[in-house]
């Protein structure tokens, strides 16, 4: 269960790597092997029914660049960005992160390519879509 006020690493259910704020530009979100870096840790706070994820390393927020649609880059932004977080319908131990009131959720690109550096984007929810589901583990 995801709880407000806790710090997590987000592990992709398909690839097994984690949501990582790229050290090359401190903006891009990628899948990367866990190395216990603060750029891989996310502090969650629930606000008015939605969730805000703040990166422990930079203090920036998990957000999007541009309009929510297939392929929109997921990036670090300066202002809080709200997400809906819902348990996956097929595996309730994993979660999907949606832009509120849309069908677009966090997606490890290339069907969950485990290669370090694979971009994280938005994509329409699809099944089974394991590359769109994430485990929240204490960091």
Foldseek 3Di string as FASTA:
>chain_A
DDDAFAKWWKAQQPQRFTFFQDPVPSWFTAGAHDDPDLRRMWHWHDDPQWIWTARRPPRFTFAFDDDDEAPTTTITHHDTATWHWAQQPVGSQWIWTHRPPDQWTWFQPPLQPNPTPGGIHIYGDDPPRSRRIIHTHHD
